[in-house]
């Protein structure tokens, strides 16, 4: 008994963890095993993705249209806010959704993205909405245009009116031929949707959803991230509702 008491006393002095719990149910074996385990604090988890509706759509306050305006009138109203010489005209998400019914945007973006710029694109010579592209969205990690695009922008999405090209979807090579002047073409599948990487000066991911063609360029992130962005889309009209953006009352 004397020997046992001395032995336990030696263990008690060997580590401070034995002094932290003097309760009657002290598990000496468990405590001794824990001494050999390096305990580290769990890392703080940062969401890898953010809902696009939660981002700061910087043109939300620029809505010009009324809820009952037809698409052509919405586009005309946006054009009248411009100088008449710039193709890309800043436009509220609600106006873009009204001018291009059925247009989609990514449902989520990498969590570093905080701001979205949005434009309608015009054919200045004819004073009408353009076809290729018709709209553009910039996804920024800073307030738009406070840094260069190469630094502050993570992705840009161009949306074109291109219903005829849907007929070419069954044959991937036919779509690649359309982009032969822009660089090499690599067909891929994203979920159940065919898509194409155009490997020119910029790496561009292309896919179709009638009547639109989507082209996504990413900066400072990998192609896998671009494909993840393209795999989950949502109607822009739903994003408008989610952000609380309202069309002008008249």
C-alpha atoms as a PDB file:
ATOM      1  CA  UNK A   1       0.000   0.000   0.000  1.00  0.00           C
ATOM      2  CA  UNK A   2       2.829   2.388   0.807  1.00  0.00           C
ATOM      3  CA  UNK A   3       4.458   1.605  -2.525  1.00  0.00           C
ATOM      4  CA  UNK A   4       1.187   2.087  -4.393  1.00  0.00           C
ATOM      5  CA  UNK A   5       0.571   5.420  -2.696  1.00  0.00           C
ATOM      6  CA  UNK A   6       4.009   6.666  -3.602  1.00  0.00           C
ATOM      7  CA  UNK A   7       3.539   5.507  -7.207  1.00  0.00           C
ATOM      8  CA  UNK A   8       0.283   7.351  -7.578  1.00  0.00           C
ATOM      9  CA  UNK A   9       1.769  10.401  -5.994  1.00  0.00           C
ATOM     10  CA  UNK A  10       4.582  10.380  -8.551  1.00  0.00           C
ATOM     11  CA  UNK A  11       2.080  10.207 -11.427  1.00  0.00           C
ATOM     12  CA  UNK A  12       0.097  13.050  -9.950  1.00  0.00           C
ATOM     13  CA  UNK A  13       3.133  15.284  -9.931  1.00  0.00           C
ATOM     14  CA  UNK A  14       4.153  14.414 -13.474  1.00  0.00           C
ATOM     15  CA  UNK A  15       1.493  16.364 -15.349  1.00  0.00           C
ATOM     16  CA  UNK A  16      -0.697  19.341 -14.621  1.00  0.00           C
ATOM     17  CA  UNK A  17      -3.694  17.714 -16.248  1.00  0.00           C
ATOM     18  CA  UNK A  18      -4.042  15.427 -13.230  1.00  0.00           C
ATOM     19  CA  UNK A  19      -4.655  18.467 -11.029  1.00  0.00           C
ATOM     20  CA  UNK A  20      -7.523  19.855 -13.087  1.00  0.00           C
ATOM     21  CA  UNK A  21     -10.153  17.321 -12.072  1.00  0.00           C
ATOM     22  CA  UNK A  22     -10.324  16.138  -8.488  1.00  0.00           C
ATOM     23  CA  UNK A  23     -13.766  14.554  -8.869  1.00  0.00           C
ATOM     24  CA  UNK A  24     -14.530  11.128  -7.525  1.00  0.00           C
ATOM     25  CA  UNK A  25     -14.955   9.633 -10.995  1.00  0.00           C
ATOM     26  CA  UNK A  26     -11.455  10.489 -12.227  1.00  0.00           C
ATOM     27  CA  UNK A  27     -10.379   8.103 -14.988  1.00  0.00           C
ATOM     28  CA  UNK A  28      -6.629   7.644 -14.485  1.00  0.00           C
ATOM     29  CA  UNK A  29      -6.186   5.409 -17.499  1.00  0.00           C
ATOM     30  CA  UNK A  30      -8.040   7.796 -19.800  1.00  0.00           C
ATOM     31  CA  UNK A  31      -6.117  10.776 -18.477  1.00  0.00           C
ATOM     32  CA  UNK A  32      -2.805   9.016 -18.993  1.00  0.00           C
ATOM     33  CA  UNK A  33      -3.708   8.168 -22.592  1.00  0.00           C
ATOM     34  CA  UNK A  34      -4.676  11.769 -23.307  1.00  0.00           C
ATOM     35  CA  UNK A  35      -1.204  12.926 -22.296  1.00  0.00           C
ATOM     36  CA  UNK A  36       0.191  11.471 -25.509  1.00  0.00           C
ATOM     37  CA  UNK A  37      -2.360  13.227 -27.757  1.00  0.00           C
ATOM     38  CA  UNK A  38      -1.570  16.638 -29.195  1.00  0.00           C
ATOM     39  CA  UNK A  39      -4.807  18.621 -28.968  1.00  0.00           C
ATOM     40  CA  UNK A  40      -5.269  21.441 -31.458  1.00  0.00           C
ATOM     41  CA  UNK A  41      -8.124  23.895 -31.661  1.00  0.00           C
ATOM     42  CA  UNK A  42     -10.535  23.147 -34.525  1.00  0.00           C
ATOM     43  CA  UNK A  43     -10.025  25.486 -37.488  1.00  0.00           C
ATOM     44  CA  UNK A  44     -12.527  28.238 -38.053  1.00  0.00           C
ATOM     45  CA  UNK A  45     -14.732  27.203 -40.953  1.00  0.00           C
ATOM     46  CA  UNK A  46     -15.239  29.827 -43.618  1.00  0.00           C
ATOM     47  CA  UNK A  47     -17.991  29.142 -46.172  1.00  0.00           C
ATOM     48  CA  UNK A  48     -16.470  28.323 -49.509  1.00  0.00           C
ATOM     49  CA  UNK A  49     -19.517  29.595 -51.409  1.00  0.00           C
ATOM     50  CA  UNK A  50     -21.952  32.473 -51.021  1.00  0.00           C
ATOM     51  CA  UNK A  51     -25.455  32.717 -52.439  1.00  0.00           C
ATOM     52  CA  UNK A  52     -25.460  35.200 -55.304  1.00  0.00           C
ATOM     53  CA  UNK A  53     -28.599  36.822 -53.865  1.00  0.00           C
ATOM     54  CA  UNK A  54     -26.578  37.763 -50.769  1.00  0.00           C
ATOM     55  CA  UNK A  55     -23.960  39.710 -52.746  1.00  0.00           C
ATOM     56  CA  UNK A  56     -23.964  43.481 -53.212  1.00  0.00           C
ATOM     57  CA  UNK A  57     -25.539  44.131 -56.626  1.00  0.00           C
ATOM     58  CA  UNK A  58     -24.162  47.610 -57.089  1.00  0.00           C
ATOM     59  CA  UNK A  59     -26.712  48.731 -59.693  1.00  0.00           C
ATOM     60  CA  UNK A  60     -29.770  47.854 -57.619  1.00  0.00           C
ATOM     61  CA  UNK A  61     -30.718  51.507 -57.290  1.00  0.00           C
ATOM     62  CA  UNK A  62     -30.628  52.147 -61.037  1.00  0.00           C
ATOM     63  CA  UNK A  63     -33.906  50.422 -61.978  1.00  0.00           C
ATOM     64  CA  UNK A  64     -35.778  52.341 -64.674  1.00  0.00           C
ATOM     65  CA  UNK A  65     -38.612  50.036 -65.722  1.00  0.00           C
ATOM     66  CA  UNK A  66     -42.105  49.379 -64.434  1.00  0.00           C
ATOM     67  CA  UNK A  67     -43.382  45.860 -63.710  1.00  0.00           C
ATOM     68  CA  UNK A  68     -45.674  45.815 -66.760  1.00  0.00           C
ATOM     69  CA  UNK A  69     -43.112  47.101 -69.271  1.00  0.00           C
ATOM     70  CA  UNK A  70     -42.449  44.747 -72.222  1.00  0.00           C
ATOM     71  CA  UNK A  71     -38.810  43.688 -72.734  1.00  0.00           C
ATOM     72  CA  UNK A  72     -38.160  46.077 -75.635  1.00  0.00           C
ATOM     73  CA  UNK A  73     -39.350  49.055 -73.614  1.00  0.00           C
ATOM     74  CA  UNK A  74     -37.185  48.047 -70.656  1.00  0.00           C
ATOM     75  CA  UNK A  75     -34.130  47.920 -72.919  1.00  0.00           C
ATOM     76  CA  UNK A  76     -35.030  51.307 -74.424  1.00  0.00           C
ATOM     77  CA  UNK A  77     -35.332  52.908 -70.994  1.00  0.00           C
ATOM     78  CA  UNK A  78     -31.927  51.576 -69.963  1.00  0.00           C
ATOM     79  CA  UNK A  79     -30.370  52.788 -73.221  1.00  0.00           C
ATOM     80  CA  UNK A  80     -31.732  56.291 -72.599  1.00  0.00           C
ATOM     81  CA  UNK A  81     -29.731  56.467 -69.360  1.00  0.00           C
ATOM     82  CA  UNK A  82     -26.491  56.111 -71.331  1.00  0.00           C
ATOM     83  CA  UNK A  83     -24.385  58.519 -73.318  1.00  0.00           C
ATOM     84  CA  UNK A  84     -25.461  56.764 -76.510  1.00  0.00           C
ATOM     85  CA  UNK A  85     -21.880  55.854 -77.372  1.00  0.00           C
ATOM     86  CA  UNK A  86     -21.056  53.101 -74.867  1.00  0.00           C
ATOM     87  CA  UNK A  87     -22.077  49.531 -75.646  1.00  0.00           C
ATOM     88  CA  UNK A  88     -22.024  48.399 -72.017  1.00  0.00           C
ATOM     89  CA  UNK A  89     -24.620  50.291 -69.985  1.00  0.00           C
ATOM     90  CA  UNK A  90     -24.929  49.830 -66.237  1.00  0.00           C
ATOM     91  CA  UNK A  91     -28.325  48.289 -65.484  1.00  0.00           C
ATOM     92  CA  UNK A  92     -30.186  47.017 -62.437  1.00  0.00           C
ATOM     93  CA  UNK A  93     -30.692  43.285 -62.113  1.00  0.00           C
ATOM     94  CA  UNK A  94     -34.457  43.802 -62.255  1.00  0.00           C
ATOM     95  CA  UNK A  95     -34.161  45.613 -65.597  1.00  0.00           C
ATOM     96  CA  UNK A  96     -31.927  42.885 -67.055  1.00  0.00           C
ATOM     97  CA  UNK A  97     -34.329  40.169 -65.907  1.00  0.00           C
ATOM     98  CA  UNK A  98     -37.217  42.054 -67.545  1.00  0.00           C
ATOM     99  CA  UNK A  99     -35.341  42.801 -70.784  1.00  0.00           C
ATOM    100  CA  UNK A 100     -34.094  39.194 -71.176  1.00  0.00           C
ATOM    101  CA  UNK A 101     -36.817  36.868 -69.860  1.00  0.00           C
ATOM    102  CA  UNK A 102     -35.461  33.495 -68.764  1.00  0.00           C
ATOM    103  CA  UNK A 103     -31.889  34.674 -68.232  1.00  0.00           C
ATOM    104  CA  UNK A 104     -29.948  32.690 -65.613  1.00  0.00           C
ATOM    105  CA  UNK A 105     -27.014  33.548 -63.377  1.00  0.00           C
ATOM    106  CA  UNK A 106     -24.866  31.378 -61.095  1.00  0.00           C
ATOM    107  CA  UNK A 107     -26.683  30.505 -57.873  1.00  0.00           C
ATOM    108  CA  UNK A 108     -23.451  30.693 -55.875  1.00  0.00           C
ATOM    109  CA  UNK A 109     -20.019  32.234 -56.145  1.00  0.00           C
ATOM    110  CA  UNK A 110     -16.767  31.656 -54.252  1.00  0.00           C
ATOM    111  CA  UNK A 111     -17.036  33.294 -50.829  1.00  0.00           C
ATOM    112  CA  UNK A 112     -14.333  35.835 -51.720  1.00  0.00           C
ATOM    113  CA  UNK A 113     -16.775  37.454 -54.172  1.00  0.00           C
ATOM    114  CA  UNK A 114     -18.673  40.336 -52.565  1.00  0.00           C
ATOM    115  CA  UNK A 115     -19.997  42.581 -55.355  1.00  0.00           C
ATOM    116  CA  UNK A 116     -21.729  42.189 -58.729  1.00  0.00           C
ATOM    117  CA  UNK A 117     -21.742  44.701 -61.559  1.00  0.00           C
ATOM    118  CA  UNK A 118     -24.411  44.257 -64.241  1.00  0.00           C
ATOM    119  CA  UNK A 119     -24.867  45.710 -67.714  1.00  0.00           C
ATOM    120  CA  UNK A 120     -27.058  45.470 -70.762  1.00  0.00           C
ATOM    121  CA  UNK A 121     -25.025  45.541 -73.975  1.00  0.00           C
ATOM    122  CA  UNK A 122     -26.271  47.546 -76.964  1.00  0.00           C
ATOM    123  CA  UNK A 123     -25.688  47.763 -80.680  1.00  0.00           C
ATOM    124  CA  UNK A 124     -24.940  51.478 -80.650  1.00  0.00           C
ATOM    125  CA  UNK A 125     -25.288  51.910 -84.420  1.00  0.00           C
ATOM    126  CA  UNK A 126     -28.830  50.522 -84.427  1.00  0.00           C
ATOM    127  CA  UNK A 127     -29.695  51.817 -80.942  1.00  0.00           C
ATOM    128  CA  UNK A 128     -31.018  48.441 -79.851  1.00  0.00           C
ATOM    129  CA  UNK A 129     -30.133  45.672 -77.449  1.00  0.00           C
ATOM    130  CA  UNK A 130     -27.245  43.606 -78.741  1.00  0.00           C
ATOM    131  CA  UNK A 131     -27.280  39.899 -79.534  1.00  0.00           C
ATOM    132  CA  UNK A 132     -23.698  38.869 -78.819  1.00  0.00           C
ATOM    133  CA  UNK A 133     -23.528  39.657 -75.975  1.00  0.00           C
ATOM    134  CA  UNK A 134     -26.784  41.071 -74.673  1.00  0.00           C
ATOM    135  CA  UNK A 135     -25.832  41.257 -70.991  1.00  0.00           C
ATOM    136  CA  UNK A 136     -22.747  41.042 -68.810  1.00  0.00           C
ATOM    137  CA  UNK A 137     -22.091  40.439 -65.126  1.00  0.00           C
ATOM    138  CA  UNK A 138     -18.858  41.070 -63.264  1.00  0.00           C
ATOM    139  CA  UNK A 139     -18.162  39.260 -59.996  1.00  0.00           C
ATOM    140  CA  UNK A 140     -15.765  41.201 -57.784  1.00  0.00           C
ATOM    141  CA  UNK A 141     -13.846  40.725 -54.547  1.00  0.00           C
ATOM    142  CA  UNK A 142     -13.783  44.511 -54.087  1.00  0.00           C
ATOM    143  CA  UNK A 143     -16.121  47.366 -54.923  1.00  0.00           C
ATOM    144  CA  UNK A 144     -16.309  47.301 -58.745  1.00  0.00           C
ATOM    145  CA  UNK A 145     -13.758  49.352 -60.651  1.00  0.00           C
ATOM    146  CA  UNK A 146     -11.760  50.344 -57.544  1.00  0.00           C
ATOM    147  CA  UNK A 147      -9.104  47.892 -58.740  1.00  0.00           C
ATOM    148  CA  UNK A 148      -8.207  46.546 -62.142  1.00  0.00           C
ATOM    149  CA  UNK A 149     -10.252  43.615 -63.406  1.00  0.00           C
ATOM    150  CA  UNK A 150      -7.192  41.388 -63.357  1.00  0.00           C
ATOM    151  CA  UNK A 151      -6.886  41.947 -59.601  1.00  0.00           C
ATOM    152  CA  UNK A 152     -10.370  42.709 -58.286  1.00  0.00           C
ATOM    153  CA  UNK A 153     -12.584  40.573 -60.511  1.00  0.00           C
ATOM    154  CA  UNK A 154     -12.961  36.817 -60.101  1.00  0.00           C
ATOM    155  CA  UNK A 155     -15.306  36.104 -62.993  1.00  0.00           C
ATOM    156  CA  UNK A 156     -17.246  37.715 -65.807  1.00  0.00           C
ATOM    157  CA  UNK A 157     -20.333  36.197 -67.399  1.00  0.00           C
ATOM    158  CA  UNK A 158     -21.495  37.216 -70.872  1.00  0.00           C
ATOM    159  CA  UNK A 159     -24.974  36.205 -72.018  1.00  0.00           C
ATOM    160  CA  UNK A 160     -25.864  36.203 -75.725  1.00  0.00           C
ATOM    161  CA  UNK A 161     -29.060  35.583 -77.672  1.00  0.00           C
ATOM    162  CA  UNK A 162     -28.174  32.471 -79.676  1.00  0.00           C
ATOM    163  CA  UNK A 163     -31.171  30.161 -80.015  1.00  0.00           C
ATOM    164  CA  UNK A 164     -30.098  28.747 -83.403  1.00  0.00           C
ATOM    165  CA  UNK A 165     -26.968  27.178 -81.957  1.00  0.00           C
ATOM    166  CA  UNK A 166     -29.077  24.857 -79.777  1.00  0.00           C
ATOM    167  CA  UNK A 167     -29.492  22.673 -82.878  1.00  0.00           C
ATOM    168  CA  UNK A 168     -25.750  21.979 -82.827  1.00  0.00           C
ATOM    169  CA  UNK A 169     -25.647  20.626 -79.266  1.00  0.00           C
ATOM    170  CA  UNK A 170     -25.847  16.913 -80.167  1.00  0.00           C
ATOM    171  CA  UNK A 171     -22.562  17.226 -82.052  1.00  0.00           C
ATOM    172  CA  UNK A 172     -19.853  18.682 -79.839  1.00  0.00           C
ATOM    173  CA  UNK A 173     -17.454  19.166 -82.739  1.00  0.00           C
ATOM    174  CA  UNK A 174     -19.962  21.400 -84.531  1.00  0.00           C
ATOM    175  CA  UNK A 175     -19.964  23.789 -81.596  1.00  0.00           C
ATOM    176  CA  UNK A 176     -16.174  23.724 -81.509  1.00  0.00           C
ATOM    177  CA  UNK A 177     -16.085  24.718 -85.168  1.00  0.00           C
ATOM    178  CA  UNK A 178     -18.071  27.831 -84.336  1.00  0.00           C
ATOM    179  CA  UNK A 179     -15.265  28.960 -82.047  1.00  0.00           C
ATOM    180  CA  UNK A 180     -12.316  27.814 -84.163  1.00  0.00           C
ATOM    181  CA  UNK A 181     -11.016  31.365 -84.579  1.00  0.00           C
ATOM    182  CA  UNK A 182     -10.885  31.892 -80.818  1.00  0.00           C
ATOM    183  CA  UNK A 183      -8.590  29.023 -79.903  1.00  0.00           C
ATOM    184  CA  UNK A 184      -8.609  25.339 -79.088  1.00  0.00           C
ATOM    185  CA  UNK A 185     -11.914  23.807 -78.024  1.00  0.00           C
ATOM    186  CA  UNK A 186     -12.432  21.098 -75.409  1.00  0.00           C
ATOM    187  CA  UNK A 187     -15.919  19.573 -74.880  1.00  0.00           C
ATOM    188  CA  UNK A 188     -16.808  18.757 -71.267  1.00  0.00           C
ATOM    189  CA  UNK A 189     -19.896  17.667 -69.371  1.00  0.00           C
ATOM    190  CA  UNK A 190     -21.119  19.621 -66.345  1.00  0.00           C
ATOM    191  CA  UNK A 191     -23.753  17.595 -64.553  1.00  0.00           C
ATOM    192  CA  UNK A 192     -25.999  16.542 -67.425  1.00  0.00           C
ATOM    193  CA  UNK A 193     -25.234  19.653 -69.481  1.00  0.00           C
ATOM    194  CA  UNK A 194     -22.725  19.715 -72.357  1.00  0.00           C
ATOM    195  CA  UNK A 195     -20.256  22.577 -72.235  1.00  0.00           C
ATOM    196  CA  UNK A 196     -17.091  23.665 -74.011  1.00  0.00           C
ATOM    197  CA  UNK A 197     -13.818  25.185 -72.915  1.00  0.00           C
ATOM    198  CA  UNK A 198     -12.484  27.707 -75.424  1.00  0.00           C
ATOM    199  CA  UNK A 199      -8.747  27.968 -74.809  1.00  0.00           C
ATOM    200  CA  UNK A 200      -7.632  31.211 -76.387  1.00  0.00           C
ATOM    201  CA  UNK A 201      -6.151  34.320 -74.793  1.00  0.00           C
ATOM    202  CA  UNK A 202      -8.634  33.720 -71.982  1.00  0.00           C
ATOM    203  CA  UNK A 203     -10.031  30.382 -70.839  1.00  0.00           C
ATOM    204  CA  UNK A 204     -13.768  30.604 -71.449  1.00  0.00           C
ATOM    205  CA  UNK A 205     -16.421  28.084 -70.443  1.00  0.00           C
ATOM    206  CA  UNK A 206     -19.390  28.051 -72.835  1.00  0.00           C
ATOM    207  CA  UNK A 207     -22.809  26.437 -72.431  1.00  0.00           C
ATOM    208  CA  UNK A 208     -26.303  26.870 -73.849  1.00  0.00           C
ATOM    209  CA  UNK A 209     -29.747  27.227 -72.351  1.00  0.00           C
ATOM    210  CA  UNK A 210     -32.261  28.342 -74.983  1.00  0.00           C
ATOM    211  CA  UNK A 211     -32.492  31.084 -76.030  1.00  0.00           C
ATOM    212  CA  UNK A 212     -29.194  32.095 -74.446  1.00  0.00           C
ATOM    213  CA  UNK A 213     -25.517  31.250 -74.783  1.00  0.00           C
ATOM    214  CA  UNK A 214     -23.417  31.728 -71.669  1.00  0.00           C
ATOM    215  CA  UNK A 215     -19.687  32.441 -71.601  1.00  0.00           C
ATOM    216  CA  UNK A 216     -17.873  32.438 -68.266  1.00  0.00           C
ATOM    217  CA  UNK A 217     -14.309  33.653 -67.800  1.00  0.00           C
ATOM    218  CA  UNK A 218     -12.601  33.229 -64.429  1.00  0.00           C
ATOM    219  CA  UNK A 219      -9.524  34.903 -63.004  1.00  0.00           C
ATOM    220  CA  UNK A 220      -7.176  33.593 -60.334  1.00  0.00           C
ATOM    221  CA  UNK A 221      -9.248  30.446 -59.804  1.00  0.00           C
ATOM    222  CA  UNK A 222      -9.072  27.051 -61.480  1.00  0.00           C
ATOM    223  CA  UNK A 223     -11.196  25.524 -64.188  1.00  0.00           C
ATOM    224  CA  UNK A 224     -12.779  23.244 -61.605  1.00  0.00           C
ATOM    225  CA  UNK A 225     -14.184  26.310 -59.834  1.00  0.00           C
ATOM    226  CA  UNK A 226     -15.589  27.638 -63.107  1.00  0.00           C
ATOM    227  CA  UNK A 227     -17.315  24.325 -63.745  1.00  0.00           C
ATOM    228  CA  UNK A 228     -18.747  24.364 -60.224  1.00  0.00           C
ATOM    229  CA  UNK A 229     -20.085  27.882 -60.841  1.00  0.00           C
ATOM    230  CA  UNK A 230     -21.720  26.792 -64.087  1.00  0.00           C
ATOM    231  CA  UNK A 231     -23.235  23.655 -62.579  1.00  0.00           C
ATOM    232  CA  UNK A 232     -25.708  25.527 -60.376  1.00  0.00           C
ATOM    233  CA  UNK A 233     -27.777  28.243 -62.044  1.00  0.00           C
ATOM    234  CA  UNK A 234     -30.815  30.211 -60.943  1.00  0.00           C
ATOM    235  CA  UNK A 235     -33.193  32.551 -62.820  1.00  0.00           C
ATOM    236  CA  UNK A 236     -32.121  36.166 -62.421  1.00  0.00           C
ATOM    237  CA  UNK A 237     -35.766  37.009 -61.712  1.00  0.00           C
ATOM    238  CA  UNK A 238     -35.529  34.854 -58.566  1.00  0.00           C
ATOM    239  CA  UNK A 239     -32.329  36.603 -57.509  1.00  0.00           C
ATOM    240  CA  UNK A 240     -34.111  39.942 -57.859  1.00  0.00           C
ATOM    241  CA  UNK A 241     -36.789  38.729 -55.467  1.00  0.00           C
ATOM    242  CA  UNK A 242     -34.168  37.358 -53.095  1.00  0.00           C
ATOM    243  CA  UNK A 243     -32.250  40.641 -52.890  1.00  0.00           C
ATOM    244  CA  UNK A 244     -35.405  42.684 -52.405  1.00  0.00           C
ATOM    245  CA  UNK A 245     -34.750  44.742 -55.536  1.00  0.00           C
ATOM    246  CA  UNK A 246     -37.927  46.296 -56.840  1.00  0.00           C
ATOM    247  CA  UNK A 247     -38.589  47.722 -60.262  1.00  0.00           C
ATOM    248  CA  UNK A 248     -39.315  51.432 -60.467  1.00  0.00           C
ATOM    249  CA  UNK A 249     -42.926  52.314 -59.690  1.00  0.00           C
ATOM    250  CA  UNK A 250     -43.346  54.376 -62.811  1.00  0.00           C
END
